[in-house]
Protein backbone atom coordinates (compact mmCIF):
# COMPACT_ATOMS: atom_id res chain seq x y z
CA ASP A 1 0.01 -0.05 -0.06
CA PRO A 2 1.50 3.28 -1.02
CA TYR A 3 0.25 5.16 1.99
CA GLY A 4 0.95 2.62 4.79
CA TYR A 5 3.78 4.27 6.90
CA PRO A 6 5.72 2.82 8.86
CA TYR A 7 4.91 -0.35 6.88
CA ALA A 8 5.44 1.03 3.47
CA ASN A 9 5.65 4.22 1.75
CA GLN A 10 5.88 5.09 -1.82
CA ASN A 11 8.90 7.27 -2.96
CA MET A 12 9.94 7.97 0.65
CA ASN A 13 13.06 7.28 2.70
CA PRO A 14 13.15 5.41 4.94
CA PRO A 15 10.67 3.00 2.89
CA GLY A 16 8.88 1.39 5.71
CA PHE A 17 9.83 -1.92 7.68
CA ASP A 18 7.81 -4.14 5.22
CA VAL A 19 9.77 -3.09 2.39
CA GLU A 20 13.15 -3.46 4.31
CA ILE A 21 12.24 -6.88 5.40
CA MET A 22 11.30 -7.91 1.66
CA GLU A 23 14.66 -6.43 0.53
CA ALA A 24 16.52 -8.78 2.99
CA LEU A 25 14.54 -11.65 1.82
CA ALA A 26 15.14 -10.93 -1.92
CA ALA A 27 18.83 -10.53 -1.04
CA ARG A 28 18.93 -14.18 0.26
CA GLY A 29 18.19 -15.37 -3.33
CA ASP A 30 20.30 -12.49 -5.27
CA MET A 31 16.71 -11.29 -6.47
CA ARG A 32 15.87 -7.70 -7.46
CA LEU A 33 12.99 -6.19 -5.70
CA GLU A 34 10.34 -4.19 -7.53
CA MET A 35 7.30 -2.70 -5.79
CA TYR A 36 3.83 -2.55 -7.39
CA TRP A 37 1.75 -0.17 -5.50
CA ALA A 38 -1.94 -1.42 -4.82
CA ASP A 39 -4.06 1.23 -2.83
CA THR A 40 -6.23 -0.70 -0.37
CA GLY A 41 -7.86 2.51 0.93
CA THR A 42 -10.21 3.02 -2.23
CA ARG A 43 -13.56 1.55 -2.93
CA GLY A 44 -13.43 -2.14 -2.95
CA GLY A 45 -10.54 -2.21 -0.31
CA MET A 46 -8.19 -5.23 -0.23
CA SER A 47 -10.36 -7.69 -2.34
CA ARG A 48 -10.18 -5.05 -5.24
CA ALA A 49 -6.58 -4.46 -4.57
CA LEU A 50 -5.73 -8.14 -4.70
CA ARG A 51 -7.66 -8.75 -7.90
CA ARG A 52 -6.00 -5.86 -9.59
CA SER A 53 -2.30 -6.71 -8.54
CA LEU A 54 -1.61 -10.39 -7.46
CA MET A 55 -4.19 -11.92 -9.47
CA LYS A 56 -3.54 -10.00 -12.44
CA GLY A 57 0.12 -11.01 -12.36
CA ARG A 58 1.46 -7.54 -11.67
CA CYS A 59 3.25 -8.91 -8.74
CA ASP A 60 4.28 -12.20 -7.00
CA LEU A 61 3.21 -11.47 -3.58
CA PHE A 62 1.26 -8.95 -1.45
CA MET A 63 2.95 -7.91 1.84
CA GLY A 64 1.40 -7.36 5.28
CA VAL A 65 -1.91 -9.47 5.25
CA SER A 66 -3.57 -10.86 8.24
CA ASP A 67 -5.20 -14.25 7.99
CA SER A 68 -8.77 -13.85 9.24
CA GLY A 69 -9.60 -17.47 8.80
CA ASP A 70 -12.09 -16.56 6.08
CA GLU A 71 -11.64 -18.80 3.21
CA ASP A 72 -13.38 -16.15 1.00
CA GLN A 73 -10.20 -13.89 1.42
CA LEU A 74 -8.29 -16.44 -0.68
CA MET A 75 -10.80 -16.52 -3.62
CA GLY A 76 -9.76 -20.11 -4.32
CA LYS A 77 -6.52 -19.15 -5.83
CA LEU A 78 -4.39 -17.59 -2.96
CA THR A 79 -2.57 -18.71 -0.02
CA PHE A 80 -0.42 -17.50 2.78
CA THR A 81 3.34 -17.86 3.65
CA ASN A 82 4.15 -18.49 7.26
CA PRO A 83 3.65 -15.26 9.43
CA TYR A 84 6.69 -13.11 9.86
CA LEU A 85 5.35 -10.64 12.50
CA GLY A 86 2.82 -10.35 15.38
CA ILE A 87 1.07 -6.97 15.71
CA GLY A 88 -1.76 -5.78 17.93
CA TYR A 89 -3.17 -3.08 20.29
CA VAL A 90 -0.82 -1.92 23.06
CA ILE A 91 -1.04 0.60 26.04
CA VAL A 92 0.63 4.08 25.72
CA THR A 93 0.95 6.39 28.25
CA GLN A 94 2.25 9.74 29.41
CA GLY A 95 2.07 11.99 32.66
CA ALA A 96 0.14 10.28 35.39
CA ALA A 97 -0.47 7.20 33.60
CA VAL A 98 3.25 6.27 33.05
CA GLY A 99 4.13 3.23 34.85
CA LYS A 100 0.62 1.67 34.69
CA LYS A 101 0.59 -1.59 32.81
CA SER A 102 -2.98 -2.83 32.43
CA PHE A 103 -6.52 -1.52 31.68
CA GLU A 104 -7.38 -2.25 35.49
CA GLU A 105 -4.44 -0.17 36.81
CA LEU A 106 -5.29 2.75 34.72
CA ASN A 107 -9.17 2.36 35.68
CA GLU A 108 -8.19 2.06 39.58
CA ALA A 109 -6.07 5.41 39.13
CA GLY A 110 -9.21 7.09 37.70
CA ILE A 111 -7.38 7.63 34.21
CA LYS A 112 -9.68 7.78 31.29
CA ILE A 113 -8.38 5.53 28.20
CA GLY A 114 -8.46 6.94 24.81
CA VAL A 115 -9.50 4.10 22.23
CA PRO A 116 -10.67 3.98 18.56
CA MET A 117 -14.29 3.60 18.43
CA SER A 118 -15.99 0.69 16.89
CA THR A 119 -13.05 -1.63 17.60
CA PRO A 120 -12.44 -4.80 19.62
CA ILE A 121 -10.85 -2.65 22.26
CA ASP A 122 -13.76 -0.14 22.48
CA ASN A 123 -16.03 -3.03 22.89
CA MET A 124 -13.91 -4.70 25.54
CA LEU A 125 -13.75 -1.66 27.76
CA PHE A 126 -17.49 -0.97 27.19
CA GLU A 127 -18.29 -4.65 28.39
CA ARG A 128 -15.94 -4.15 31.45
CA GLY A 129 -17.42 -0.77 32.31
CA ILE A 130 -14.24 0.94 31.97
CA PRO A 131 -14.37 4.53 31.10
CA ARG A 132 -13.11 5.48 27.84
CA GLU A 133 -12.63 8.52 25.71
CA LEU A 134 -13.67 7.67 21.98
CA TYR A 135 -11.87 8.84 18.87
CA LEU A 136 -12.34 8.26 15.24
CA ASP A 137 -9.08 6.68 14.52
CA ASN A 138 -5.43 6.09 16.04
CA ARG A 139 -4.00 9.24 14.53
CA ARG A 140 -6.69 11.28 16.40
CA ILE A 141 -5.92 9.62 19.65
CA MET A 142 -2.31 10.41 19.48
CA ARG A 143 -3.24 13.97 18.65
CA GLY A 144 -5.38 14.11 21.68
CA MET A 145 -2.61 12.72 23.86
CA ALA A 146 -0.28 15.44 22.45
CA SER A 147 -2.65 18.18 23.30
CA GLY A 148 -3.31 16.63 26.88
CA GLU A 149 -6.77 15.50 26.32
CA VAL A 150 -5.86 11.83 27.69
CA ASP A 151 -2.85 10.39 29.37
CA ALA A 152 -3.47 6.75 28.36
CA ALA A 153 -4.52 5.21 25.25
CA ILE A 154 -4.87 1.78 23.68
CA VAL A 155 -3.64 2.10 19.98
CA TRP A 156 -2.50 -0.07 17.23
CA ALA A 157 1.31 -0.76 17.57
CA THR A 158 2.31 1.43 14.61
CA ALA A 159 0.39 4.54 15.86
CA MET A 160 3.53 5.78 18.07
CA ALA A 161 5.71 5.72 14.75
CA VAL A 162 3.06 7.68 12.92
CA ALA A 163 2.81 10.25 15.83
CA ARG A 164 6.47 10.69 16.10
CA ARG A 165 6.58 11.68 12.29
CA GLU A 166 3.66 14.00 12.61
CA VAL A 167 4.13 15.69 15.94
CA PRO A 168 7.78 16.50 16.41
CA GLY A 169 8.99 16.29 19.82
CA PHE A 170 5.88 14.35 21.03
CA GLU A 171 6.85 11.20 22.89
CA VAL A 172 4.82 8.58 24.82
CA LYS A 173 5.79 5.41 26.62
CA MET A 174 4.47 1.84 25.96
CA ALA A 175 3.64 -0.10 28.96
CA GLU A 176 6.85 -2.04 29.54
CA GLY A 177 6.74 -5.75 28.72
CA TYR A 178 3.18 -5.45 27.45
CA VAL A 179 1.98 -8.10 25.15
CA PRO A 180 -1.23 -7.79 23.20
CA VAL A 181 -3.78 -10.32 24.38
CA GLU A 182 -5.76 -12.81 22.48
CA GLY A 183 -8.56 -11.17 20.40
CA GLN A 184 -6.41 -7.96 20.09
CA ARG A 185 -3.42 -9.36 18.23
CA TRP A 186 -3.00 -10.79 14.62
CA ASN A 187 -0.03 -12.26 12.61
CA LEU A 188 1.20 -10.68 9.39
CA SER A 189 2.16 -13.05 6.53
CA TYR A 190 2.58 -12.68 2.67
CA MET A 191 -0.23 -13.56 0.36
CA MET A 192 0.44 -15.05 -3.00
CA MET A 193 -0.77 -17.43 -5.81
CA LYS A 194 -1.10 -21.04 -4.36
CA ARG A 195 0.57 -22.43 -7.60
CA ASP A 196 3.87 -20.67 -6.76
CA LYS A 197 5.20 -23.53 -4.49
CA SER A 198 8.84 -23.00 -5.11
CA LEU A 199 8.45 -19.23 -4.06
CA ILE A 200 6.44 -20.04 -1.12
CA ASN A 201 9.08 -22.50 0.08
CA PHE A 202 11.79 -19.85 -0.62
CA LEU A 203 10.06 -17.21 1.38
CA ASN A 204 9.18 -19.70 4.39
CA GLU A 205 12.75 -20.50 4.62
CA GLY A 206 13.79 -16.85 4.60
CA ILE A 207 11.03 -15.72 7.16
CA THR A 208 12.48 -18.40 9.57
CA GLU A 209 15.96 -17.36 9.17
CA LEU A 210 15.30 -13.59 9.50
CA LEU A 211 13.43 -14.19 12.50
CA GLU A 212 15.95 -16.38 14.16
CA ASN A 213 18.90 -14.05 13.35
CA GLY A 214 17.14 -10.97 14.68
CA THR A 215 16.90 -9.08 11.22
CA ILE A 216 13.19 -8.69 11.27
CA LYS A 217 12.99 -7.50 14.95
CA LYS A 218 15.83 -4.93 14.16
CA LYS A 219 14.04 -3.59 11.19
CA VAL A 220 10.74 -3.21 12.92
CA GLU A 221 12.37 -1.55 15.96
CA SER A 222 14.08 0.77 14.11
CA TYR A 223 10.75 2.62 13.15
CA GLY A 224 9.96 2.76 16.64
CA VAL A 225 7.31 -0.06 16.55
CA PRO A 226 7.22 -2.75 19.06
CA PHE A 227 8.40 -6.12 17.90
CA TYR A 228 6.40 -9.28 18.50
CA ALA A 229 7.23 -12.58 16.97
CA PRO A 230 4.36 -14.38 15.36
CA PHE A 231 2.02 -15.42 17.93
CA ASN A 232 0.93 -19.10 18.41
């Protein structure tokens, strides 16, 4: 996706951790990497982007896709590689909320939590009766923190990287050691045509190697994004 910083960003330096990871995978086989940009943010979303890129033969794989378990997502022709990264919602804090490591601790301290509306996080806090401040998206939450509207938030793990880029000097802390819980975390994989078995094997071998030697961790963390190995 051309507008997906910090995953990937067209004509920008640094290019995004997904691009850097793919460069490392390509280098293992002395391959040259070419990017085909497929915008998932327009009408038709991911399904349309896949039909107009991968299924049209304009590229060999689509980066950064989460396996929802929905077979319709694969359209009968696609498959996933092994996952290369875990990602999810994390707790970020500032001011009076620093040091708090759970929803419960924040609630006991009387700290309202900023959350993106109509998300699993929003629903979870609502069901538990935990006060929350609703925002349209992660970007608005981080702006709200920058202006002091809230001191704690639950945001998508990449939101901090975006905020650092858009609000110079703004810094929040992620709850130390926090790991997204089940239902709030997903694995990212590469999607490709299921007939490309040799390429699937090549990528799976590369993913294993780059996870074991720390390359993926290093590249993800260089963007200020917390690294999680693929979740079981």
